[in-house]
N, C-alpha and C. Protein backbone atom coordinates (compact mmCIF):
# COMPACT_ATOMS: atom_id res chain seq x y z
N MET A 1 73.96 50.35 20.61
CA MET A 1 75.22 50.17 19.88
C MET A 1 76.05 51.34 19.97
N ILE A 2 77.39 51.20 19.99
CA ILE A 2 78.33 52.28 20.13
C ILE A 2 79.26 52.26 18.98
N LEU A 3 79.48 53.46 18.38
CA LEU A 3 80.42 53.61 17.32
C LEU A 3 81.66 54.29 17.82
N ILE A 4 82.80 53.76 17.53
CA ILE A 4 84.12 54.40 17.93
C ILE A 4 85.01 54.53 16.75
N GLY A 5 85.98 55.42 16.77
CA GLY A 5 86.92 55.59 15.79
C GLY A 5 87.58 56.91 15.84
N LEU A 6 88.55 57.18 15.02
CA LEU A 6 89.32 58.39 14.96
C LEU A 6 88.40 59.52 14.44
N PRO A 7 88.80 60.76 14.70
CA PRO A 7 88.08 61.90 14.08
C PRO A 7 88.11 61.70 12.60
N GLY A 8 86.92 61.95 12.00
CA GLY A 8 86.78 61.79 10.55
C GLY A 8 86.41 60.40 10.01
N SER A 9 86.30 59.48 10.99
CA SER A 9 85.96 58.09 10.55
C SER A 9 84.50 57.98 10.17
N GLY A 10 83.68 58.94 10.49
CA GLY A 10 82.26 58.89 10.14
C GLY A 10 81.28 58.48 11.12
N LYS A 11 81.68 58.51 12.45
CA LYS A 11 80.86 58.05 13.52
C LYS A 11 79.52 58.76 13.60
N SER A 12 79.45 60.03 13.57
CA SER A 12 78.22 60.80 13.68
C SER A 12 77.35 60.67 12.44
N THR A 13 77.95 60.86 11.33
CA THR A 13 77.21 60.78 10.06
C THR A 13 76.66 59.40 9.80
N THR A 14 77.49 58.46 9.97
CA THR A 14 77.07 56.99 9.79
C THR A 14 76.05 56.60 10.94
N GLY A 15 76.32 57.07 12.10
CA GLY A 15 75.43 56.86 13.24
C GLY A 15 73.97 57.26 13.00
N ARG A 16 73.88 58.48 12.42
CA ARG A 16 72.50 58.91 12.20
C ARG A 16 71.78 58.07 11.09
N ARG A 17 72.49 57.68 10.10
CA ARG A 17 71.96 56.81 9.15
C ARG A 17 71.61 55.40 9.67
N LEU A 18 72.54 54.94 10.44
CA LEU A 18 72.29 53.62 11.04
C LEU A 18 71.10 53.55 11.95
N ALA A 19 71.01 54.62 12.82
CA ALA A 19 69.85 54.74 13.69
C ALA A 19 68.52 54.86 12.97
N ALA A 20 68.52 55.53 11.87
CA ALA A 20 67.30 55.66 11.05
C ALA A 20 66.97 54.24 10.48
N MET A 21 67.97 53.61 9.95
CA MET A 21 67.85 52.28 9.38
C MET A 21 67.23 51.29 10.35
N LEU A 22 67.78 51.33 11.59
CA LEU A 22 67.36 50.41 12.61
C LEU A 22 66.10 50.93 13.41
N GLN A 23 65.63 52.12 13.12
CA GLN A 23 64.52 52.72 13.73
C GLN A 23 64.73 52.83 15.26
N VAL A 24 65.92 53.35 15.65
CA VAL A 24 66.17 53.61 17.03
C VAL A 24 66.71 55.11 17.12
N ALA A 25 66.95 55.54 18.33
CA ALA A 25 67.39 56.87 18.58
C ALA A 25 68.90 56.96 18.25
N PHE A 26 69.35 58.09 18.03
CA PHE A 26 70.79 58.46 17.79
C PHE A 26 71.24 59.53 18.76
N ALA A 27 72.36 59.34 19.30
CA ALA A 27 73.01 60.39 20.06
C ALA A 27 74.54 60.43 19.82
N ASP A 28 75.09 61.64 19.82
CA ASP A 28 76.56 61.90 19.64
C ASP A 28 77.04 62.41 21.04
N SER A 29 78.02 61.70 21.54
CA SER A 29 78.48 62.02 22.91
C SER A 29 78.92 63.44 23.01
N ASP A 30 79.54 64.05 22.01
CA ASP A 30 79.95 65.47 22.11
C ASP A 30 78.72 66.38 22.23
N GLU A 31 77.62 66.03 21.51
CA GLU A 31 76.45 66.84 21.60
C GLU A 31 75.81 66.71 22.92
N LEU A 32 75.78 65.51 23.53
CA LEU A 32 75.30 65.26 24.91
C LEU A 32 76.02 66.11 25.84
N ILE A 33 77.43 66.10 25.74
CA ILE A 33 78.28 66.91 26.67
C ILE A 33 77.98 68.39 26.51
N GLU A 34 77.81 68.88 25.31
CA GLU A 34 77.52 70.26 25.09
C GLU A 34 76.24 70.59 25.70
N HIS A 35 75.21 69.79 25.59
CA HIS A 35 73.87 70.01 26.22
C HIS A 35 74.04 70.10 27.69
N ASP A 36 74.67 69.13 28.27
CA ASP A 36 74.83 69.06 29.79
C ASP A 36 75.69 70.28 30.31
N ALA A 37 76.69 70.65 29.55
CA ALA A 37 77.61 71.68 30.03
C ALA A 37 77.14 73.12 29.64
N GLY A 38 76.24 73.17 28.65
CA GLY A 38 75.71 74.45 28.19
C GLY A 38 76.72 75.28 27.39
N ARG A 39 77.70 74.58 26.81
CA ARG A 39 78.70 75.22 25.92
C ARG A 39 79.31 74.19 25.04
N SER A 40 80.07 74.70 24.02
CA SER A 40 80.62 73.79 23.02
C SER A 40 81.82 73.05 23.58
N VAL A 41 82.17 71.94 22.92
CA VAL A 41 83.36 71.18 23.29
C VAL A 41 84.58 72.11 23.11
N ARG A 42 84.57 72.81 22.05
CA ARG A 42 85.67 73.76 21.75
C ARG A 42 85.91 74.74 22.90
N GLN A 43 84.73 75.28 23.43
CA GLN A 43 84.77 76.18 24.59
C GLN A 43 85.24 75.55 25.85
N ILE A 44 84.82 74.34 26.10
CA ILE A 44 85.27 73.61 27.31
C ILE A 44 86.70 73.48 27.23
N PHE A 45 87.27 72.96 26.07
CA PHE A 45 88.74 72.79 25.91
C PHE A 45 89.50 74.07 26.09
N ALA A 46 88.95 75.21 25.59
CA ALA A 46 89.64 76.53 25.66
C ALA A 46 89.66 77.01 27.13
N ASP A 47 88.49 76.82 27.78
CA ASP A 47 88.30 77.42 29.13
C ASP A 47 88.94 76.55 30.24
N GLU A 48 88.85 75.22 30.05
CA GLU A 48 89.28 74.30 31.15
C GLU A 48 90.28 73.30 30.79
N GLY A 49 90.52 73.07 29.51
CA GLY A 49 91.46 72.03 29.06
C GLY A 49 90.87 70.66 28.92
N GLU A 50 91.68 69.88 28.37
CA GLU A 50 91.26 68.42 28.08
C GLU A 50 90.89 67.66 29.29
N PRO A 51 91.61 67.69 30.38
CA PRO A 51 91.20 66.86 31.57
C PRO A 51 89.82 67.21 32.06
N ALA A 52 89.36 68.49 32.03
CA ALA A 52 88.04 68.90 32.45
C ALA A 52 87.02 68.29 31.48
N PHE A 53 87.31 68.39 30.17
CA PHE A 53 86.41 67.80 29.17
C PHE A 53 86.27 66.31 29.39
N ARG A 54 87.34 65.59 29.62
CA ARG A 54 87.30 64.14 29.75
C ARG A 54 86.46 63.75 31.00
N ALA A 55 86.57 64.56 32.03
CA ALA A 55 85.75 64.28 33.23
C ALA A 55 84.22 64.35 32.89
N LEU A 56 83.90 65.50 32.21
CA LEU A 56 82.51 65.68 31.68
C LEU A 56 82.12 64.53 30.80
N GLU A 57 82.97 64.12 29.97
CA GLU A 57 82.70 63.07 28.99
C GLU A 57 82.44 61.73 29.74
N ALA A 58 83.27 61.43 30.74
CA ALA A 58 83.05 60.18 31.52
C ALA A 58 81.70 60.17 32.20
N ASP A 59 81.33 61.29 32.86
CA ASP A 59 80.06 61.35 33.47
C ASP A 59 78.87 61.20 32.50
N THR A 60 78.94 61.93 31.33
CA THR A 60 77.94 61.82 30.41
C THR A 60 77.81 60.46 29.81
N LEU A 61 78.91 59.79 29.58
CA LEU A 61 78.81 58.50 28.98
C LEU A 61 78.33 57.38 30.00
N ALA A 62 78.65 57.59 31.23
CA ALA A 62 78.10 56.66 32.22
C ALA A 62 76.57 56.82 32.33
N ALA A 63 76.03 58.01 32.25
CA ALA A 63 74.62 58.21 32.17
C ALA A 63 74.01 57.64 30.87
N ALA A 64 74.71 57.75 29.79
CA ALA A 64 74.19 57.29 28.43
C ALA A 64 74.18 55.71 28.46
N LEU A 65 75.19 55.18 29.06
CA LEU A 65 75.14 53.70 29.05
C LEU A 65 74.04 53.11 29.95
N ARG A 66 73.63 53.88 30.96
CA ARG A 66 72.56 53.51 31.78
C ARG A 66 71.21 53.80 31.18
N ASP A 67 71.01 54.90 30.53
CA ASP A 67 69.74 55.45 30.18
C ASP A 67 69.40 55.45 28.63
N PHE A 68 70.41 55.29 27.78
CA PHE A 68 70.16 55.47 26.35
C PHE A 68 70.14 54.10 25.66
N ASP A 69 69.16 53.92 24.78
CA ASP A 69 69.10 52.70 24.03
C ASP A 69 68.92 53.08 22.56
N GLY A 70 70.02 53.08 21.79
CA GLY A 70 70.07 53.38 20.47
C GLY A 70 71.44 53.30 19.92
N VAL A 71 71.77 54.12 18.90
CA VAL A 71 73.14 54.26 18.42
C VAL A 71 73.77 55.43 18.98
N LEU A 72 74.87 55.25 19.63
CA LEU A 72 75.68 56.30 20.29
C LEU A 72 76.99 56.42 19.64
N ALA A 73 77.31 57.60 19.05
CA ALA A 73 78.59 57.89 18.50
C ALA A 73 79.48 58.53 19.54
N LEU A 74 80.69 57.94 19.91
CA LEU A 74 81.56 58.42 20.91
C LEU A 74 82.60 59.35 20.31
N GLY A 75 83.04 60.34 21.03
CA GLY A 75 84.15 61.16 20.68
C GLY A 75 85.32 60.22 20.61
N GLY A 76 86.30 60.61 19.72
CA GLY A 76 87.43 59.69 19.44
C GLY A 76 88.25 59.26 20.66
N GLY A 77 88.29 60.17 21.66
CA GLY A 77 89.13 59.84 22.82
C GLY A 77 88.45 59.31 24.04
N ALA A 78 87.11 59.09 23.89
CA ALA A 78 86.33 58.64 25.07
C ALA A 78 86.94 57.41 25.67
N LEU A 79 87.47 56.53 24.91
CA LEU A 79 87.97 55.23 25.47
C LEU A 79 89.40 55.40 26.13
N ASP A 80 89.96 56.59 26.09
CA ASP A 80 91.19 56.81 26.77
C ASP A 80 90.94 56.79 28.28
N ASP A 81 89.80 57.00 28.70
CA ASP A 81 89.50 56.92 30.09
C ASP A 81 89.20 55.44 30.48
N ASP A 82 90.08 54.89 31.37
CA ASP A 82 90.01 53.48 31.73
C ASP A 82 88.61 53.04 32.24
N THR A 83 88.03 53.91 33.12
CA THR A 83 86.71 53.55 33.66
C THR A 83 85.65 53.55 32.57
N THR A 84 85.65 54.49 31.76
CA THR A 84 84.75 54.54 30.59
C THR A 84 84.89 53.32 29.70
N ARG A 85 86.15 53.00 29.39
CA ARG A 85 86.31 51.89 28.51
C ARG A 85 85.90 50.61 29.15
N GLU A 86 86.14 50.46 30.40
CA GLU A 86 85.70 49.21 31.11
C GLU A 86 84.18 49.15 31.22
N ARG A 87 83.62 50.27 31.49
CA ARG A 87 82.13 50.26 31.52
C ARG A 87 81.48 49.80 30.19
N ILE A 88 82.05 50.35 29.08
CA ILE A 88 81.56 50.13 27.76
C ILE A 88 81.70 48.63 27.46
N ILE A 89 82.95 48.11 27.73
CA ILE A 89 83.20 46.63 27.41
C ILE A 89 82.26 45.81 28.26
N ALA A 90 82.12 46.12 29.52
CA ALA A 90 81.26 45.34 30.45
C ALA A 90 79.75 45.39 30.14
N SER A 91 79.42 46.47 29.45
CA SER A 91 77.96 46.65 29.15
C SER A 91 77.41 45.58 28.17
N GLY A 92 78.23 44.96 27.43
CA GLY A 92 77.84 44.02 26.43
C GLY A 92 77.18 44.55 25.21
N VAL A 93 77.18 45.87 25.13
CA VAL A 93 76.58 46.61 23.98
C VAL A 93 77.59 46.42 22.82
N PRO A 94 77.11 46.15 21.58
CA PRO A 94 77.97 46.01 20.45
C PRO A 94 78.74 47.34 20.25
N VAL A 95 80.06 47.23 20.06
CA VAL A 95 80.97 48.32 19.81
C VAL A 95 81.54 48.16 18.46
N VAL A 96 81.15 49.16 17.55
CA VAL A 96 81.54 49.03 16.14
C VAL A 96 82.67 50.15 15.96
N ARG A 97 83.81 49.62 15.48
CA ARG A 97 84.91 50.54 15.17
C ARG A 97 84.90 50.83 13.72
N LEU A 98 84.88 52.16 13.48
CA LEU A 98 84.93 52.64 12.08
C LEU A 98 86.43 53.03 11.80
N GLU A 99 86.96 52.37 10.70
CA GLU A 99 88.39 52.71 10.34
C GLU A 99 88.41 53.31 9.01
N ALA A 100 89.42 54.13 8.85
CA ALA A 100 89.71 54.74 7.51
C ALA A 100 91.24 55.00 7.56
N THR A 101 91.80 55.07 6.30
CA THR A 101 93.24 55.36 6.25
C THR A 101 93.48 56.88 6.61
N LEU A 102 94.70 57.17 7.01
CA LEU A 102 95.07 58.48 7.48
C LEU A 102 94.78 59.54 6.44
N GLY A 103 95.06 59.21 5.16
CA GLY A 103 94.84 60.15 4.07
C GLY A 103 93.36 60.52 3.94
N VAL A 104 92.52 59.52 4.09
CA VAL A 104 91.04 59.76 3.94
C VAL A 104 90.60 60.54 5.23
N LEU A 105 91.05 60.19 6.38
CA LEU A 105 90.69 60.96 7.63
C LEU A 105 91.09 62.34 7.39
N ALA A 106 92.27 62.62 7.09
CA ALA A 106 92.79 64.02 6.93
C ALA A 106 91.97 64.78 5.92
N ALA A 107 91.54 64.17 4.84
CA ALA A 107 90.70 64.89 3.85
C ALA A 107 89.36 65.14 4.43
N ARG A 108 88.83 64.23 5.26
CA ARG A 108 87.54 64.44 5.86
C ARG A 108 87.44 65.53 6.85
N VAL A 109 88.51 65.64 7.66
CA VAL A 109 88.51 66.67 8.73
C VAL A 109 88.95 68.06 8.24
N GLY A 110 89.64 68.08 7.05
CA GLY A 110 90.10 69.35 6.49
C GLY A 110 90.97 70.15 7.41
N ASP A 111 90.60 71.46 7.68
CA ASP A 111 91.51 72.20 8.54
C ASP A 111 91.20 71.94 10.02
N ALA A 112 90.19 71.24 10.34
CA ALA A 112 89.89 70.72 11.65
C ALA A 112 89.66 71.88 12.67
N LYS A 113 89.18 73.06 12.19
CA LYS A 113 88.96 74.16 13.11
C LYS A 113 88.02 73.88 14.21
N THR A 114 87.06 72.99 14.04
CA THR A 114 86.15 72.65 15.10
C THR A 114 86.61 71.46 15.98
N ARG A 115 87.82 71.00 15.69
CA ARG A 115 88.35 69.76 16.45
C ARG A 115 89.55 70.15 17.23
N PRO A 116 89.35 70.53 18.54
CA PRO A 116 90.48 71.00 19.32
C PRO A 116 91.80 70.08 19.35
N LEU A 117 91.59 68.82 19.36
CA LEU A 117 92.68 67.86 19.40
C LEU A 117 93.50 67.80 18.15
N LEU A 118 93.03 68.34 17.03
CA LEU A 118 93.66 68.30 15.77
C LEU A 118 94.31 69.64 15.45
N ALA A 119 94.23 70.63 16.30
CA ALA A 119 94.68 71.97 16.01
C ALA A 119 96.18 71.94 15.61
N GLY A 120 96.53 72.79 14.73
CA GLY A 120 97.85 73.00 14.21
C GLY A 120 98.14 72.15 12.97
N ASP A 121 98.33 70.93 13.07
CA ASP A 121 98.65 70.06 11.97
C ASP A 121 97.73 68.80 11.98
N PRO A 122 96.53 68.91 11.41
CA PRO A 122 95.62 67.74 11.50
C PRO A 122 96.15 66.42 11.08
N SER A 123 96.94 66.37 10.01
CA SER A 123 97.45 65.08 9.48
C SER A 123 98.39 64.51 10.55
N ALA A 124 99.33 65.27 11.07
CA ALA A 124 100.25 64.75 12.09
C ALA A 124 99.59 64.35 13.38
N ARG A 125 98.59 65.15 13.81
CA ARG A 125 97.83 64.80 14.98
C ARG A 125 97.05 63.46 14.79
N LEU A 126 96.45 63.32 13.59
CA LEU A 126 95.70 62.13 13.35
C LEU A 126 96.63 60.91 13.45
N ALA A 127 97.84 61.03 12.91
CA ALA A 127 98.79 59.92 12.93
C ALA A 127 99.14 59.58 14.42
N GLU A 128 99.35 60.63 15.23
CA GLU A 128 99.65 60.42 16.65
C GLU A 128 98.52 59.75 17.32
N LEU A 129 97.23 60.21 17.09
CA LEU A 129 96.15 59.61 17.71
C LEU A 129 95.95 58.22 17.29
N ALA A 130 96.14 57.90 15.99
CA ALA A 130 96.03 56.51 15.56
C ALA A 130 96.94 55.57 16.25
N ASP A 131 98.21 56.05 16.39
CA ASP A 131 99.19 55.12 17.14
C ASP A 131 98.77 55.00 18.56
N ARG A 132 98.39 56.11 19.20
CA ARG A 132 98.07 56.07 20.63
C ARG A 132 96.76 55.24 20.92
N ARG A 133 95.80 55.28 20.07
CA ARG A 133 94.51 54.68 20.34
C ARG A 133 94.28 53.30 19.69
N GLU A 134 95.22 52.83 18.93
CA GLU A 134 95.09 51.53 18.24
C GLU A 134 94.69 50.42 19.24
N ALA A 135 95.46 50.21 20.26
CA ALA A 135 95.16 49.10 21.18
C ALA A 135 93.90 49.26 21.90
N THR A 136 93.57 50.49 22.27
CA THR A 136 92.31 50.77 23.03
C THR A 136 91.13 50.45 22.11
N TYR A 137 91.11 50.95 20.87
CA TYR A 137 90.00 50.67 19.95
C TYR A 137 89.90 49.11 19.71
N ALA A 138 90.98 48.52 19.49
CA ALA A 138 90.93 47.08 19.18
C ALA A 138 90.40 46.26 20.38
N ALA A 139 90.72 46.66 21.61
CA ALA A 139 90.25 45.89 22.77
C ALA A 139 88.76 46.13 23.00
N ALA A 140 88.17 47.32 22.63
CA ALA A 140 86.80 47.52 22.84
C ALA A 140 85.85 47.05 21.73
N ALA A 141 86.36 47.03 20.50
CA ALA A 141 85.52 46.82 19.32
C ALA A 141 85.07 45.29 19.34
N THR A 142 83.84 45.15 19.01
CA THR A 142 83.20 43.79 18.73
C THR A 142 83.08 43.57 17.27
N LEU A 143 83.22 44.70 16.47
CA LEU A 143 83.11 44.69 14.99
C LEU A 143 83.94 45.76 14.48
N THR A 144 84.61 45.56 13.33
CA THR A 144 85.38 46.71 12.68
C THR A 144 84.88 46.80 11.31
N VAL A 145 84.66 48.03 10.85
CA VAL A 145 84.15 48.29 9.49
C VAL A 145 85.06 49.32 8.85
N GLN A 146 85.54 49.06 7.67
CA GLN A 146 86.37 50.02 6.86
C GLN A 146 85.44 50.97 6.18
N THR A 147 85.72 52.28 6.28
CA THR A 147 84.87 53.31 5.65
C THR A 147 85.41 53.92 4.44
N ASP A 148 86.67 53.62 4.16
CA ASP A 148 87.27 54.19 2.90
C ASP A 148 86.44 53.84 1.66
N GLY A 149 86.21 54.70 0.80
CA GLY A 149 85.49 54.42 -0.44
C GLY A 149 83.98 54.04 -0.31
N ARG A 150 83.45 54.31 0.88
CA ARG A 150 82.08 53.98 1.16
C ARG A 150 81.35 55.30 1.59
N THR A 151 80.12 55.42 1.24
CA THR A 151 79.35 56.55 1.78
C THR A 151 78.83 56.13 3.17
N PRO A 152 78.46 57.18 3.92
CA PRO A 152 77.91 56.83 5.29
C PRO A 152 76.83 55.85 5.24
N GLY A 153 75.90 55.96 4.23
CA GLY A 153 74.81 55.01 4.01
C GLY A 153 75.24 53.58 3.76
N GLN A 154 76.32 53.45 2.99
CA GLN A 154 76.79 52.12 2.70
C GLN A 154 77.49 51.58 4.00
N VAL A 155 78.15 52.40 4.75
CA VAL A 155 78.74 51.88 5.99
C VAL A 155 77.68 51.42 6.93
N ALA A 156 76.63 52.26 7.03
CA ALA A 156 75.49 51.88 7.95
C ALA A 156 74.91 50.56 7.48
N SER A 157 74.76 50.40 6.24
CA SER A 157 74.17 49.10 5.68
C SER A 157 75.12 47.86 6.01
N VAL A 158 76.41 48.08 5.86
CA VAL A 158 77.34 47.05 6.22
C VAL A 158 77.18 46.68 7.71
N ILE A 159 77.19 47.72 8.55
CA ILE A 159 77.11 47.48 9.97
C ILE A 159 75.75 46.73 10.30
N ALA A 160 74.64 47.18 9.75
CA ALA A 160 73.37 46.53 10.01
C ALA A 160 73.43 45.05 9.53
N ALA A 161 74.02 44.83 8.36
CA ALA A 161 74.09 43.43 7.87
C ALA A 161 74.87 42.54 8.79
N LYS A 162 76.08 43.09 9.21
CA LYS A 162 77.01 42.29 10.09
C LYS A 162 76.38 41.98 11.35
N LEU A 163 75.67 42.99 11.98
CA LEU A 163 75.03 42.81 13.32
C LEU A 163 73.91 41.78 13.13
N LEU A 164 73.16 41.85 12.05
CA LEU A 164 72.05 40.85 11.80
C LEU A 164 72.66 39.41 11.71
N GLU A 165 73.76 39.34 10.93
CA GLU A 165 74.48 38.07 10.75
C GLU A 165 74.94 37.57 12.11
N LYS A 166 75.63 38.45 12.89
CA LYS A 166 76.08 38.01 14.22
C LYS A 166 74.95 37.57 15.07
N GLU A 167 73.84 38.21 15.01
CA GLU A 167 72.65 37.96 15.84
C GLU A 167 72.16 36.50 15.50
N LYS A 168 72.13 36.25 14.14
CA LYS A 168 71.67 34.89 13.73
C LYS A 168 72.58 33.78 14.22
N ILE A 169 73.83 34.06 14.27
CA ILE A 169 74.81 33.09 14.66
C ILE A 169 74.69 32.79 16.13
N THR A 170 74.40 33.79 16.98
CA THR A 170 74.33 33.56 18.41
C THR A 170 72.90 33.14 18.87
N SER A 171 71.94 33.10 17.99
CA SER A 171 70.59 32.71 18.39
C SER A 171 70.29 31.24 17.96
């Protein structure tokens, strides 16, 4: 299963809880990239820029789609890469979109010091990203869950219940 959404939507936190609930492995794509690259996402952005990071991300996600079986939280911009998005959609893996209002996202990311794409004005950058990524997220998602007013555990429970319901319908 893959979790997608804007920064602050709760992909990593919810993903960990969901994986525990489903008794499967959890991985965060940014952590996989950091492991493969031997440095932080922030450092990759600073040293080489976003295009180099996105190339690393595409390679890491191709390997994860092939080798990983569990809950995978994607970085917010992973689906901006056409090849990555097409691979994910073609994989048949459930893709869960986590949504939250911009005000909630801004509160969750705070000053966003560890998020290079939100540098400067996190609220304005979130609004730009939301506009730019809406169609991409909508095209990839097989399920959308609203996270406003819910704890990560509650969101994980909603996802698990909806997936179970969907599984019953298709079997």
